[in-house]
């Protein structure tokens, strides 16, 4: 999980920051932007954890059904 998270960290943080600034500019309420920022951060961490869990569950299937190496 951490390998994938480290590779995508900068891009995800840039997107979250841009969306947070857009929410602040659109609403002019900093509390809305903070809540949006926290929700997006929690969503990104939850998605990384969930993706890692799925990857671990599918690993035996991938090994069993992978094509033979030449």
C-alpha atoms as a PDB file:
ATOM      1  CA  UNK A   1       0.000   0.000   0.000  1.00  0.00           C
ATOM      2  CA  UNK A   2       2.716   2.441   0.926  1.00  0.00           C
ATOM      3  CA  UNK A   3       4.538   2.013  -2.388  1.00  0.00           C
ATOM      4  CA  UNK A   4       1.458   3.026  -4.356  1.00  0.00           C
ATOM      5  CA  UNK A   5       0.612   5.793  -1.875  1.00  0.00           C
ATOM      6  CA  UNK A   6       4.145   7.242  -2.122  1.00  0.00           C
ATOM      7  CA  UNK A   7       4.012   7.222  -5.938  1.00  0.00           C
ATOM      8  CA  UNK A   8       0.654   9.002  -6.137  1.00  0.00           C
ATOM      9  CA  UNK A   9       0.949  11.241  -3.055  1.00  0.00           C
ATOM     10  CA  UNK A  10       2.023  14.461  -4.794  1.00  0.00           C
ATOM     11  CA  UNK A  11      -0.584  14.243  -7.554  1.00  0.00           C
ATOM     12  CA  UNK A  12      -3.418  13.447  -5.161  1.00  0.00           C
ATOM     13  CA  UNK A  13      -2.412  16.267  -2.817  1.00  0.00           C
ATOM     14  CA  UNK A  14      -2.318  18.734  -5.714  1.00  0.00           C
ATOM     15  CA  UNK A  15      -5.825  17.756  -6.797  1.00  0.00           C
ATOM     16  CA  UNK A  16      -7.139  17.946  -3.235  1.00  0.00           C
ATOM     17  CA  UNK A  17      -5.530  21.366  -2.757  1.00  0.00           C
ATOM     18  CA  UNK A  18      -6.931  22.750  -6.012  1.00  0.00           C
ATOM     19  CA  UNK A  19     -10.433  21.510  -5.238  1.00  0.00           C
ATOM     20  CA  UNK A  20     -10.222  22.944  -1.718  1.00  0.00           C
ATOM     21  CA  UNK A  21      -9.207  26.350  -3.065  1.00  0.00           C
ATOM     22  CA  UNK A  22     -12.054  26.216  -5.603  1.00  0.00           C
ATOM     23  CA  UNK A  23     -14.532  25.410  -2.820  1.00  0.00           C
ATOM     24  CA  UNK A  24     -13.202  28.338  -0.787  1.00  0.00           C
ATOM     25  CA  UNK A  25     -13.452  30.698  -3.757  1.00  0.00           C
ATOM     26  CA  UNK A  26     -16.946  29.488  -4.640  1.00  0.00           C
ATOM     27  CA  UNK A  27     -18.420  29.597  -1.125  1.00  0.00           C
ATOM     28  CA  UNK A  28     -16.252  32.204   0.657  1.00  0.00           C
ATOM     29  CA  UNK A  29     -16.628  30.127   3.824  1.00  0.00           C
ATOM     30  CA  UNK A  30     -13.397  28.658   5.136  1.00  0.00           C
ATOM     31  CA  UNK A  31     -15.273  26.072   7.217  1.00  0.00           C
ATOM     32  CA  UNK A  32     -16.769  24.573   4.031  1.00  0.00           C
ATOM     33  CA  UNK A  33     -13.303  24.344   2.500  1.00  0.00           C
ATOM     34  CA  UNK A  34     -11.867  22.728   5.660  1.00  0.00           C
ATOM     35  CA  UNK A  35     -14.643  20.125   5.800  1.00  0.00           C
ATOM     36  CA  UNK A  36     -14.200  19.401   2.092  1.00  0.00           C
ATOM     37  CA  UNK A  37     -10.421  19.090   2.556  1.00  0.00           C
ATOM     38  CA  UNK A  38     -10.778  16.680   5.490  1.00  0.00           C
ATOM     39  CA  UNK A  39     -13.333  14.552   3.656  1.00  0.00           C
ATOM     40  CA  UNK A  40     -11.079  14.281   0.615  1.00  0.00           C
ATOM     41  CA  UNK A  41      -8.067  13.370   2.781  1.00  0.00           C
ATOM     42  CA  UNK A  42     -10.021  10.693   4.621  1.00  0.00           C
ATOM     43  CA  UNK A  43     -11.353   9.397   1.313  1.00  0.00           C
ATOM     44  CA  UNK A  44      -7.882   9.124  -0.175  1.00  0.00           C
ATOM     45  CA  UNK A  45      -6.559   7.181   2.822  1.00  0.00           C
ATOM     46  CA  UNK A  46      -9.640   4.941   2.910  1.00  0.00           C
ATOM     47  CA  UNK A  47      -9.255   4.269  -0.814  1.00  0.00           C
ATOM     48  CA  UNK A  48      -5.592   3.350  -0.378  1.00  0.00           C
ATOM     49  CA  UNK A  49      -6.409   0.951   2.462  1.00  0.00           C
ATOM     50  CA  UNK A  50      -9.294  -0.594   0.530  1.00  0.00           C
ATOM     51  CA  UNK A  51      -7.195  -0.979  -2.634  1.00  0.00           C
ATOM     52  CA  UNK A  52      -4.445  -2.681  -0.666  1.00  0.00           C
ATOM     53  CA  UNK A  53      -6.950  -5.098   0.866  1.00  0.00           C
ATOM     54  CA  UNK A  54      -8.343  -5.964  -2.563  1.00  0.00           C
ATOM     55  CA  UNK A  55      -4.854  -6.428  -3.993  1.00  0.00           C
ATOM     56  CA  UNK A  56      -3.951  -8.858  -1.194  1.00  0.00           C
ATOM     57  CA  UNK A  57      -7.185 -10.804  -1.695  1.00  0.00           C
ATOM     58  CA  UNK A  58      -6.610 -11.100  -5.465  1.00  0.00           C
ATOM     59  CA  UNK A  59      -2.929 -12.026  -5.228  1.00  0.00           C
ATOM     60  CA  UNK A  60      -3.498 -15.814  -4.957  1.00  0.00           C
ATOM     61  CA  UNK A  61      -5.864 -15.683  -7.944  1.00  0.00           C
ATOM     62  CA  UNK A  62      -3.303 -13.782 -10.033  1.00  0.00           C
ATOM     63  CA  UNK A  63      -0.559 -16.269  -9.203  1.00  0.00           C
ATOM     64  CA  UNK A  64      -2.784 -19.228  -9.987  1.00  0.00           C
ATOM     65  CA  UNK A  65      -4.104 -17.864 -13.313  1.00  0.00           C
ATOM     66  CA  UNK A  66      -1.036 -16.096 -14.613  1.00  0.00           C
ATOM     67  CA  UNK A  67       0.312 -17.198 -18.008  1.00  0.00           C
ATOM     68  CA  UNK A  68       3.444 -19.368 -17.920  1.00  0.00           C
ATOM     69  CA  UNK A  69       6.761 -17.561 -18.267  1.00  0.00           C
ATOM     70  CA  UNK A  70       8.948 -18.363 -21.264  1.00  0.00           C
END
